[in-house]
Amino acid sequence: MTAPRIGRCPQCGAPATLETSNAFRPFCSERCKLLDFGAWINGQYTIPAVENDVDGEDIEPPNDPRDRLQ
């Protein structure tokens, strides 16, 4: 018998079983799963877009990833 795969919960960082026996995988619990879902619903997770300049040329994204969050 093999040991269960264990990962880190993306919400709280606690150990989480990654097997099908964990109904909330990759989360450790229903609470963490719902907190993550709530963040998606409230728009806290976004993907930054690169807008086109007025003359049709692409604007270069910032080199520092922290600048993309502003």
N, C-alpha and C. Protein backbone atom coordinates (compact mmCIF):
# COMPACT_ATOMS: atom_id res chain seq x y z
N MET A 1 0.84 -1.18 0.00
CA MET A 1 0.00 0.00 0.00
C MET A 1 0.89 1.25 0.00
N THR A 2 0.55 2.22 -0.80
CA THR A 2 1.35 3.44 -0.88
C THR A 2 0.81 4.49 0.08
N ALA A 3 1.69 5.36 0.50
CA ALA A 3 1.29 6.44 1.41
C ALA A 3 0.46 7.45 0.64
N PRO A 4 -0.50 8.08 1.31
CA PRO A 4 -1.33 9.09 0.61
C PRO A 4 -0.48 10.30 0.22
N ARG A 5 -0.81 10.89 -0.92
CA ARG A 5 -0.12 12.10 -1.36
C ARG A 5 -0.60 13.26 -0.50
N ILE A 6 0.35 14.02 0.02
CA ILE A 6 0.05 15.16 0.87
C ILE A 6 0.60 16.41 0.20
N GLY A 7 -0.21 17.45 0.14
CA GLY A 7 0.22 18.73 -0.40
C GLY A 7 -0.12 19.83 0.60
N ARG A 8 0.08 21.04 0.22
CA ARG A 8 -0.25 22.20 1.05
C ARG A 8 -1.56 22.81 0.58
N CYS A 9 -2.41 23.14 1.51
CA CYS A 9 -3.68 23.81 1.19
C CYS A 9 -3.35 25.18 0.61
N PRO A 10 -3.89 25.52 -0.57
CA PRO A 10 -3.57 26.82 -1.17
C PRO A 10 -4.16 28.00 -0.38
N GLN A 11 -5.08 27.75 0.51
CA GLN A 11 -5.70 28.82 1.27
C GLN A 11 -4.95 29.11 2.57
N CYS A 12 -4.67 28.06 3.37
CA CYS A 12 -4.08 28.27 4.69
C CYS A 12 -2.69 27.68 4.85
N GLY A 13 -2.27 26.82 3.92
CA GLY A 13 -0.95 26.23 3.99
C GLY A 13 -0.86 24.97 4.82
N ALA A 14 -1.96 24.53 5.41
CA ALA A 14 -1.96 23.31 6.21
C ALA A 14 -1.81 22.09 5.30
N PRO A 15 -1.35 20.96 5.84
CA PRO A 15 -1.27 19.75 5.02
C PRO A 15 -2.66 19.34 4.53
N ALA A 16 -2.74 18.92 3.28
CA ALA A 16 -4.01 18.50 2.69
C ALA A 16 -3.78 17.21 1.89
N THR A 17 -4.64 16.24 2.10
CA THR A 17 -4.57 14.99 1.36
C THR A 17 -5.03 15.23 -0.06
N LEU A 18 -4.25 14.80 -1.02
CA LEU A 18 -4.57 15.04 -2.43
C LEU A 18 -5.24 13.84 -3.08
N GLU A 19 -5.69 12.90 -2.29
CA GLU A 19 -6.35 11.70 -2.79
C GLU A 19 -7.85 11.96 -2.98
N THR A 20 -8.51 11.09 -3.74
CA THR A 20 -9.94 11.24 -3.99
C THR A 20 -10.78 11.11 -2.73
N SER A 21 -10.20 10.58 -1.66
CA SER A 21 -10.93 10.47 -0.39
C SER A 21 -11.17 11.84 0.25
N ASN A 22 -10.40 12.85 -0.15
CA ASN A 22 -10.59 14.21 0.36
C ASN A 22 -11.51 14.95 -0.60
N ALA A 23 -12.75 15.13 -0.19
CA ALA A 23 -13.74 15.78 -1.05
C ALA A 23 -13.42 17.25 -1.32
N PHE A 24 -12.53 17.84 -0.54
CA PHE A 24 -12.23 19.27 -0.68
C PHE A 24 -10.87 19.52 -1.33
N ARG A 25 -10.22 18.47 -1.84
CA ARG A 25 -8.88 18.63 -2.42
C ARG A 25 -8.89 19.68 -3.52
N PRO A 26 -7.92 20.50 -3.66
CA PRO A 26 -6.63 20.51 -2.99
C PRO A 26 -6.64 21.23 -1.66
N PHE A 27 -7.82 21.59 -1.17
CA PHE A 27 -7.93 22.29 0.11
C PHE A 27 -7.97 21.29 1.25
N CYS A 28 -7.68 21.78 2.46
CA CYS A 28 -7.66 20.89 3.62
C CYS A 28 -9.06 20.70 4.20
N SER A 29 -9.96 21.63 3.94
CA SER A 29 -11.29 21.57 4.55
C SER A 29 -12.31 22.31 3.70
N GLU A 30 -13.57 22.12 4.05
CA GLU A 30 -14.64 22.83 3.36
C GLU A 30 -14.51 24.33 3.59
N ARG A 31 -14.08 24.73 4.79
CA ARG A 31 -13.93 26.15 5.12
C ARG A 31 -12.95 26.82 4.15
N CYS A 32 -11.77 26.20 3.95
CA CYS A 32 -10.78 26.79 3.05
C CYS A 32 -11.29 26.82 1.60
N LYS A 33 -12.00 25.78 1.21
CA LYS A 33 -12.56 25.74 -0.15
C LYS A 33 -13.56 26.89 -0.35
N LEU A 34 -14.41 27.13 0.64
CA LEU A 34 -15.40 28.20 0.54
C LEU A 34 -14.76 29.58 0.61
N LEU A 35 -13.71 29.74 1.42
CA LEU A 35 -13.01 31.03 1.46
C LEU A 35 -12.41 31.36 0.10
N ASP A 36 -11.81 30.37 -0.55
CA ASP A 36 -11.23 30.57 -1.87
C ASP A 36 -12.32 30.90 -2.90
N PHE A 37 -13.41 30.17 -2.85
CA PHE A 37 -14.52 30.43 -3.77
C PHE A 37 -15.08 31.84 -3.57
N GLY A 38 -15.21 32.26 -2.31
CA GLY A 38 -15.69 33.61 -2.02
C GLY A 38 -14.77 34.67 -2.58
N ALA A 39 -13.46 34.43 -2.53
CA ALA A 39 -12.51 35.39 -3.10
C ALA A 39 -12.70 35.51 -4.61
N TRP A 40 -12.96 34.39 -5.29
CA TRP A 40 -13.22 34.43 -6.74
C TRP A 40 -14.50 35.22 -7.02
N ILE A 41 -15.54 34.93 -6.26
CA ILE A 41 -16.84 35.59 -6.48
C ILE A 41 -16.72 37.10 -6.26
N ASN A 42 -15.93 37.52 -5.28
CA ASN A 42 -15.77 38.95 -4.97
C ASN A 42 -14.78 39.65 -5.88
N GLY A 43 -14.19 38.92 -6.83
CA GLY A 43 -13.26 39.54 -7.78
C GLY A 43 -11.88 39.82 -7.23
N GLN A 44 -11.50 39.14 -6.16
CA GLN A 44 -10.17 39.36 -5.58
C GLN A 44 -9.07 38.74 -6.42
N TYR A 45 -9.39 37.77 -7.25
CA TYR A 45 -8.42 37.16 -8.16
C TYR A 45 -8.67 37.72 -9.55
N THR A 46 -7.67 38.38 -10.10
CA THR A 46 -7.82 38.94 -11.44
C THR A 46 -6.58 38.62 -12.26
N ILE A 47 -6.73 38.64 -13.56
CA ILE A 47 -5.62 38.46 -14.48
C ILE A 47 -5.41 39.80 -15.16
N PRO A 48 -4.22 40.40 -14.98
CA PRO A 48 -4.00 41.71 -15.59
C PRO A 48 -3.99 41.62 -17.12
N ALA A 49 -4.55 42.60 -17.75
CA ALA A 49 -4.61 42.64 -19.21
C ALA A 49 -3.66 43.72 -19.72
N VAL A 50 -3.13 43.51 -20.91
CA VAL A 50 -2.29 44.51 -21.56
C VAL A 50 -3.16 45.21 -22.60
N GLU A 51 -3.33 46.49 -22.42
CA GLU A 51 -4.17 47.28 -23.32
C GLU A 51 -3.37 47.70 -24.55
N ASN A 52 -4.05 47.92 -25.65
CA ASN A 52 -3.42 48.45 -26.85
C ASN A 52 -3.32 49.96 -26.75
N ASP A 53 -2.23 50.49 -27.26
CA ASP A 53 -2.04 51.93 -27.31
C ASP A 53 -3.01 52.49 -28.35
N VAL A 54 -3.25 53.81 -28.34
CA VAL A 54 -4.19 54.42 -29.26
C VAL A 54 -3.80 54.25 -30.72
N ASP A 55 -2.50 54.12 -31.00
CA ASP A 55 -2.08 53.96 -32.39
C ASP A 55 -2.01 52.49 -32.80
N GLY A 56 -2.50 51.58 -31.95
CA GLY A 56 -2.58 50.18 -32.31
C GLY A 56 -1.39 49.34 -31.89
N GLU A 57 -0.35 49.95 -31.33
CA GLU A 57 0.80 49.18 -30.89
C GLU A 57 0.56 48.67 -29.47
N ASP A 58 1.09 47.48 -29.20
CA ASP A 58 0.95 46.92 -27.86
C ASP A 58 1.82 47.69 -26.88
N ILE A 59 1.30 47.87 -25.69
CA ILE A 59 2.06 48.47 -24.60
C ILE A 59 2.83 47.35 -23.91
N GLU A 60 4.10 47.57 -23.65
CA GLU A 60 4.92 46.57 -22.99
C GLU A 60 4.49 46.43 -21.52
N PRO A 61 4.33 45.20 -21.04
CA PRO A 61 4.01 45.02 -19.62
C PRO A 61 5.21 45.39 -18.77
N PRO A 62 4.99 45.78 -17.52
CA PRO A 62 6.11 46.13 -16.65
C PRO A 62 7.00 44.92 -16.39
N ASN A 63 8.29 45.18 -16.16
CA ASN A 63 9.22 44.09 -15.89
C ASN A 63 9.05 43.52 -14.49
N ASP A 64 8.69 44.36 -13.53
CA ASP A 64 8.52 43.92 -12.15
C ASP A 64 7.08 43.43 -11.97
N PRO A 65 6.86 42.18 -11.61
CA PRO A 65 5.48 41.65 -11.47
C PRO A 65 4.64 42.43 -10.47
N ARG A 66 5.28 43.05 -9.47
CA ARG A 66 4.51 43.83 -8.50
C ARG A 66 3.86 45.05 -9.14
N ASP A 67 4.46 45.59 -10.22
CA ASP A 67 3.89 46.75 -10.92
C ASP A 67 2.60 46.39 -11.63
N ARG A 68 2.41 45.11 -11.95
CA ARG A 68 1.20 44.68 -12.67
C ARG A 68 -0.03 44.70 -11.78
N LEU A 69 0.17 44.69 -10.47
CA LEU A 69 -0.95 44.63 -9.55
C LEU A 69 -1.54 46.00 -9.26
N GLN A 70 -0.92 47.05 -9.72
CA GLN A 70 -1.42 48.38 -9.41
C GLN A 70 -2.41 48.85 -10.45
